[in-house]
Structures are given as C-alpha cells and as structure tokens.
Amino acid sequence: MTNHSEGSCIVKHFESYADLDEKDHQLLLSLEEGPHEWPKNALLLQQGDKSDCFYTLSKGWACSFRDLEDGTRQVLDVYVPGDIVGLREFSFQKRITSAIMLSDAELCAFPRHHLDHVFSSSLVLCSIMFMITSRDQAILLERLVNLGRRSARQKLAHFLVELSYRLLRTNAYVENHLSLPLSQSVLGDALGLTTVHVSRTFQEFRQEGLLNTGNAHLELLDIKGLEAVAGFDEFYLESPISESHP
C-alpha cells in the first residue's frame, strides 16, 4: 500500500491510533484539500463567531485562547502540525475560544457538515475522531493539574515535554522537532506565570543544560532531564484504541 502518511501530518496522526485502509486514507486526505497559507500572528478563529468549520494544521503552529475581562488572556492549547483546530467546538453554534497563528502556517478548512459523510463512510475514522477528542480532554485535565499543583519549574518542564511527545505523534515536518516557536509570553499565558517568572526559570534551565532560547524559539537539549524535573508520566498521551480495534 502506498504510504499516504508521507507528506500528510493528519494521516500520520490518525495512523498512530489505528491501521487505515485505502478508503480511510482517501477520506482523510479529503480533509487536506484547498490548503491556505496564514502568516504569523494572524487571527484564525474569533470567540463568538459562527462555528461552521474546523481546520487541519498541516504546517506551522497555532494556539487557542480566551481574552479575560482585565485585558489579559489565557492560552488554552498550543497546536502542532497534524493537529485539528476547532474540533472541540463541533457541537457549538458559536466559537467559545479564539485562535492565533504562532508561526507562518498552512491550514485546510473543513466544513463541519462534511463530517456526516466521514462518519457514515468509516466506522474506524469516526472512532478515531472520538478518541482524539477524548485524548484532548485528557490533556486538558492534566493541564489543570499542572496549573494548580506544580511549581513553576515543573509547569514549564511538563508543558515542553508534552509538546515534544505530541510532535513525535504527528511526525511534524519542521527542521528540528525539538525547536519550538514559543515566546515567553505565550508560555506564561498558558501556565499562569508572569513573563519575569518564565524568564527566571529559563535561565535556570539554560544553566542546567536543559534548553536554549533565542529568536522566539526554544531548543530542547535534554528532554529526559526535563522529564525528570517535571516528574513526567506520558500515560495520558497513550493511544486509547486497543490493538483489537477493527
């Protein structure tokens, strides 16, 4: 069988959950038709707008967020190549979050009503889509633990290690999967830390040889070392589909 996942982050993502046949491959590839380029800092989704489609992120990075009453924001998730943006809002008429590009990116819009065809045509893809949303929920639950019960060092280390695991799952096509286009302000908004606190913690990590910073990118030098700092357990990132899945 032709390796359709080569060049397709979303196919690689789905294949990490279960084996796909030719029909499933073609249905998935239809999600990546009509790619559109988005520049860094472009607003992809706006809270309150009509929720009529989601996006597959084939290249680049994005994040979802909520603006708060005091003018600050809470970053809710960071999306890496191969992720689906906006799927959490599938059952809502209006967007409950906004999303912005963290780098130049390529996305494909997929009308929500087209999912009916995908679901009716493939039980496997329907199941995987459900498992992806369940896994996203597990990530959010772990994020709550990270925000509420871990130190600044543990929060940052845990979040960065999690992203490295997610990048490996999607087989992201970037120059170095350990190079993350994340600013200190984005990380602070994601983890409830001030920029000063993030900068101080990064300085400690640099001195310990765990990472380098520069040019709005982070280079993870010692993922195992960061795992040790975080006390990281990847159980919540494991594929929830058993080997017996059809």
Protein backbone atom coordinates (compact mmCIF):
# COMPACT_ATOMS: atom_id res chain seq x y z
CA MET A 1 0.00 0.00 0.00
CA THR A 2 1.19 3.48 -0.78
CA ASN A 3 2.46 5.34 2.23
CA HIS A 4 -0.06 8.18 2.25
CA SER A 5 1.21 9.44 5.58
CA GLU A 6 4.38 10.67 3.91
CA GLY A 7 3.70 14.37 3.45
CA SER A 8 0.46 14.32 5.45
CA CYS A 9 0.60 15.14 9.14
CA ILE A 10 -3.06 14.38 9.74
CA VAL A 11 -2.85 10.91 8.17
CA LYS A 12 0.20 10.16 10.30
CA HIS A 13 -1.72 11.42 13.33
CA PHE A 14 -4.70 9.12 12.67
CA GLU A 15 -2.46 6.16 11.84
CA SER A 16 -0.94 6.43 15.31
CA TYR A 17 -4.34 5.34 16.65
CA ALA A 18 -5.24 2.50 14.26
CA ASP A 19 -4.44 0.96 10.88
CA LEU A 20 -6.22 2.64 7.97
CA ASP A 21 -7.28 1.08 4.68
CA GLU A 22 -7.25 2.82 1.27
CA LYS A 23 -10.77 4.21 1.68
CA ASP A 24 -9.89 5.70 5.07
CA HIS A 25 -6.74 7.25 3.62
CA GLN A 26 -8.69 8.94 0.84
CA LEU A 27 -11.35 10.23 3.23
CA LEU A 28 -8.66 11.69 5.45
CA LEU A 29 -6.80 13.24 2.56
CA SER A 30 -10.04 15.00 1.61
CA LEU A 31 -9.64 16.94 4.87
CA GLU A 32 -6.48 18.49 3.46
CA GLU A 33 -7.89 19.85 0.22
CA GLY A 34 -7.62 23.55 -0.55
CA PRO A 35 -4.71 24.49 1.73
CA HIS A 36 -4.45 28.16 2.62
CA GLU A 37 -1.40 29.96 3.99
CA TRP A 38 -1.68 32.06 7.15
CA PRO A 39 1.01 34.46 8.38
CA LYS A 40 2.36 34.59 11.91
CA ASN A 41 0.09 36.50 14.33
CA ALA A 42 -2.96 36.16 12.03
CA LEU A 43 -6.23 35.55 13.89
CA LEU A 44 -7.67 32.24 12.70
CA LEU A 45 -10.75 31.99 14.91
CA GLN A 46 -12.62 34.63 16.88
CA GLN A 47 -14.61 33.87 20.01
CA GLY A 48 -18.32 34.42 19.33
CA ASP A 49 -18.10 33.87 15.56
CA LYS A 50 -20.18 31.16 13.89
CA SER A 51 -18.70 27.69 14.34
CA ASP A 52 -19.12 26.30 10.85
CA CYS A 53 -15.81 24.55 10.19
CA PHE A 54 -12.64 23.25 11.73
CA TYR A 55 -9.10 23.25 10.38
CA THR A 56 -6.34 20.74 9.84
CA LEU A 57 -2.93 22.24 10.57
CA SER A 58 -0.51 20.80 8.01
CA LYS A 59 2.37 23.22 8.62
CA GLY A 60 3.17 25.69 11.36
CA TRP A 61 1.94 26.31 14.89
CA ALA A 62 -1.12 27.95 16.45
CA CYS A 63 -2.69 28.43 19.86
CA SER A 64 -6.22 28.83 21.20
CA PHE A 65 -7.02 31.36 23.90
CA ARG A 66 -9.68 33.28 25.81
CA ASP A 67 -9.49 37.02 26.42
CA LEU A 68 -10.24 37.96 30.02
CA GLU A 69 -12.05 40.97 31.45
CA ASP A 70 -8.86 42.59 32.76
CA GLY A 71 -7.22 42.61 29.33
CA THR A 72 -5.07 39.53 29.89
CA ARG A 73 -5.54 36.21 28.15
CA GLN A 74 -5.44 32.53 28.98
CA VAL A 75 -3.77 30.31 26.38
CA LEU A 76 -5.77 27.07 26.38
CA ASP A 77 -3.75 24.93 23.99
CA VAL A 78 -0.87 25.00 21.55
CA TYR A 79 -1.40 23.22 18.21
CA VAL A 80 1.41 21.47 16.36
CA PRO A 81 1.49 20.25 12.72
CA GLY A 82 -1.04 17.44 12.29
CA ASP A 83 -3.45 18.73 14.93
CA ILE A 84 -7.09 19.61 14.32
CA VAL A 85 -8.03 23.15 15.32
CA GLY A 86 -11.60 23.88 16.40
CA LEU A 87 -12.78 20.30 16.83
CA ARG A 88 -13.71 20.88 20.48
CA GLU A 89 -16.38 23.32 19.31
CA PHE A 90 -18.02 20.83 16.95
CA SER A 91 -21.31 20.82 18.89
CA PHE A 92 -21.48 24.59 19.46
CA GLN A 93 -23.14 27.16 17.20
CA LYS A 94 -20.60 29.84 18.12
CA ARG A 95 -16.87 29.78 18.83
CA ILE A 96 -16.07 29.51 22.52
CA THR A 97 -12.38 30.31 22.00
CA SER A 98 -10.16 32.31 19.66
CA ALA A 99 -7.06 31.02 17.84
CA ILE A 100 -3.98 32.81 16.53
CA MET A 101 -1.00 31.69 14.46
CA LEU A 102 2.29 31.34 16.33
CA SER A 103 4.24 30.99 13.08
CA ASP A 104 3.62 31.11 9.34
CA ALA A 105 1.34 28.17 8.71
CA GLU A 106 -0.72 26.19 6.22
CA LEU A 107 -4.23 25.09 7.13
CA CYS A 108 -7.14 23.44 5.38
CA ALA A 109 -10.68 24.45 6.29
CA PHE A 110 -13.16 21.58 6.54
CA PRO A 111 -16.90 22.40 6.74
CA ARG A 112 -18.50 20.87 9.78
CA HIS A 113 -21.37 19.30 7.85
CA HIS A 114 -18.90 17.25 5.78
CA LEU A 115 -18.17 15.20 8.88
CA ASP A 116 -21.50 13.46 8.36
CA HIS A 117 -20.06 11.86 5.23
CA VAL A 118 -16.87 10.83 7.01
CA PHE A 119 -18.77 9.34 9.94
CA SER A 120 -21.23 7.45 7.73
CA SER A 121 -18.46 6.14 5.46
CA SER A 122 -15.95 4.87 8.02
CA LEU A 123 -16.53 3.46 11.49
CA VAL A 124 -12.76 3.50 12.06
CA LEU A 125 -12.39 7.23 11.32
CA CYS A 126 -15.46 8.00 13.39
CA SER A 127 -13.96 6.08 16.32
CA ILE A 128 -10.56 7.73 15.92
CA MET A 129 -12.12 11.19 15.81
CA PHE A 130 -13.89 10.39 19.08
CA MET A 131 -10.65 9.12 20.58
CA ILE A 132 -8.82 12.29 19.52
CA THR A 133 -11.40 14.42 21.33
CA SER A 134 -11.12 12.13 24.37
CA ARG A 135 -7.34 12.47 24.33
CA ASP A 136 -7.66 16.25 24.06
CA GLN A 137 -9.85 16.12 27.14
CA ALA A 138 -7.19 14.09 28.96
CA ILE A 139 -4.59 16.71 28.00
CA LEU A 140 -6.80 19.47 29.42
CA LEU A 141 -7.29 17.52 32.66
CA GLU A 142 -3.52 17.10 33.00
CA ARG A 143 -3.14 20.82 32.28
CA LEU A 144 -5.41 21.55 35.27
CA VAL A 145 -3.12 19.50 37.49
CA ASN A 146 -0.13 21.29 36.01
CA LEU A 147 -1.64 24.72 36.68
CA GLY A 148 -2.86 24.00 40.17
CA ARG A 149 -0.34 21.72 41.83
CA ARG A 150 3.11 22.05 40.26
CA SER A 151 5.90 24.56 40.77
CA ALA A 152 6.97 26.97 38.01
CA ARG A 153 9.89 24.69 37.11
CA GLN A 154 7.61 21.67 36.94
CA LYS A 155 4.91 23.52 34.97
CA LEU A 156 7.31 24.68 32.25
CA ALA A 157 9.17 21.39 32.02
CA HIS A 158 5.94 19.36 31.87
CA PHE A 159 4.40 21.54 29.15
CA LEU A 160 7.52 21.42 26.96
CA VAL A 161 7.92 17.66 27.31
CA GLU A 162 4.24 17.15 26.46
CA LEU A 163 4.70 19.15 23.23
CA SER A 164 7.72 17.05 22.27
CA TYR A 165 5.64 13.86 22.63
CA ARG A 166 2.81 15.36 20.58
CA LEU A 167 5.24 16.37 17.83
CA LEU A 168 6.57 12.83 17.58
CA ARG A 169 3.00 11.52 17.17
CA THR A 170 2.20 13.82 14.25
CA ASN A 171 5.57 13.34 12.52
CA ALA A 172 5.83 17.10 12.17
CA TYR A 173 7.74 18.40 9.16
CA VAL A 174 9.93 21.02 10.78
CA GLU A 175 13.68 21.44 10.63
CA ASN A 176 14.12 20.20 14.17
CA HIS A 177 11.23 18.76 16.15
CA LEU A 178 12.96 19.95 19.32
CA SER A 179 12.75 23.58 18.20
CA LEU A 180 9.54 25.17 19.41
CA PRO A 181 8.31 28.62 18.20
CA LEU A 182 7.04 29.66 21.63
CA SER A 183 7.63 33.04 23.24
CA GLN A 184 7.88 33.56 26.98
CA SER A 185 4.60 35.49 26.93
CA VAL A 186 2.73 32.58 25.27
CA LEU A 187 4.15 30.14 27.82
CA GLY A 188 3.30 32.49 30.66
CA ASP A 189 -0.28 32.88 29.39
CA ALA A 190 -0.59 29.10 29.09
CA LEU A 191 0.75 28.32 32.56
CA GLY A 192 -0.40 31.26 34.66
CA LEU A 193 3.12 32.64 35.11
CA THR A 194 4.48 36.13 34.65
CA THR A 195 7.00 36.74 31.87
CA VAL A 196 9.58 37.57 34.54
CA HIS A 197 8.96 34.22 36.24
CA VAL A 198 9.24 32.35 32.93
CA SER A 199 12.49 34.19 32.11
CA ARG A 200 13.98 33.37 35.51
CA THR A 201 13.07 29.69 35.17
CA PHE A 202 14.50 29.54 31.66
CA GLN A 203 17.73 31.00 32.96
CA GLU A 204 17.92 28.12 35.44
CA PHE A 205 17.18 25.59 32.69
CA ARG A 206 19.88 27.08 30.44
CA GLN A 207 22.43 26.86 33.26
CA GLU A 208 21.46 23.22 33.74
CA GLY A 209 21.86 22.45 30.02
CA LEU A 210 18.20 21.59 29.52
CA LEU A 211 17.37 24.13 26.79
CA ASN A 212 18.47 27.15 24.79
CA THR A 213 16.43 30.22 23.93
CA GLY A 214 16.68 32.73 21.11
CA ASN A 215 14.89 34.20 18.09
CA ALA A 216 11.47 33.45 19.63
CA HIS A 217 12.30 29.73 19.61
CA LEU A 218 13.11 27.20 22.29
CA GLU A 219 15.57 24.42 21.62
CA LEU A 220 15.09 21.46 23.92
CA LEU A 221 18.53 20.00 24.60
CA ASP A 222 17.73 17.37 27.23
CA ILE A 223 14.16 16.07 27.14
CA LYS A 224 14.94 13.31 29.65
CA GLY A 225 16.29 15.94 32.01
CA LEU A 226 13.10 17.99 31.60
CA GLU A 227 11.04 14.85 32.22
CA ALA A 228 12.89 14.37 35.50
CA VAL A 229 12.21 17.98 36.54
CA ALA A 230 8.51 17.60 35.73
CA GLY A 231 8.07 14.09 37.10
CA PHE A 232 6.53 13.44 33.69
CA ASP A 233 4.36 10.38 33.04
CA GLU A 234 3.12 10.05 29.47
CA PHE A 235 0.18 7.78 30.41
CA TYR A 236 -2.40 10.40 29.36
CA LEU A 237 -0.85 10.66 25.89
CA GLU A 238 -1.03 6.95 25.10
CA SER A 239 -3.31 5.79 22.29
CA PRO A 240 -6.72 4.89 23.77
CA ILE A 241 -7.57 2.45 20.95
CA SER A 242 -6.73 -1.17 21.70
CA GLU A 243 -4.91 -3.45 19.29
CA SER A 244 -8.16 -5.36 18.79
CA HIS A 245 -9.83 -2.32 17.21
CA PRO A 246 -11.18 -3.26 13.75
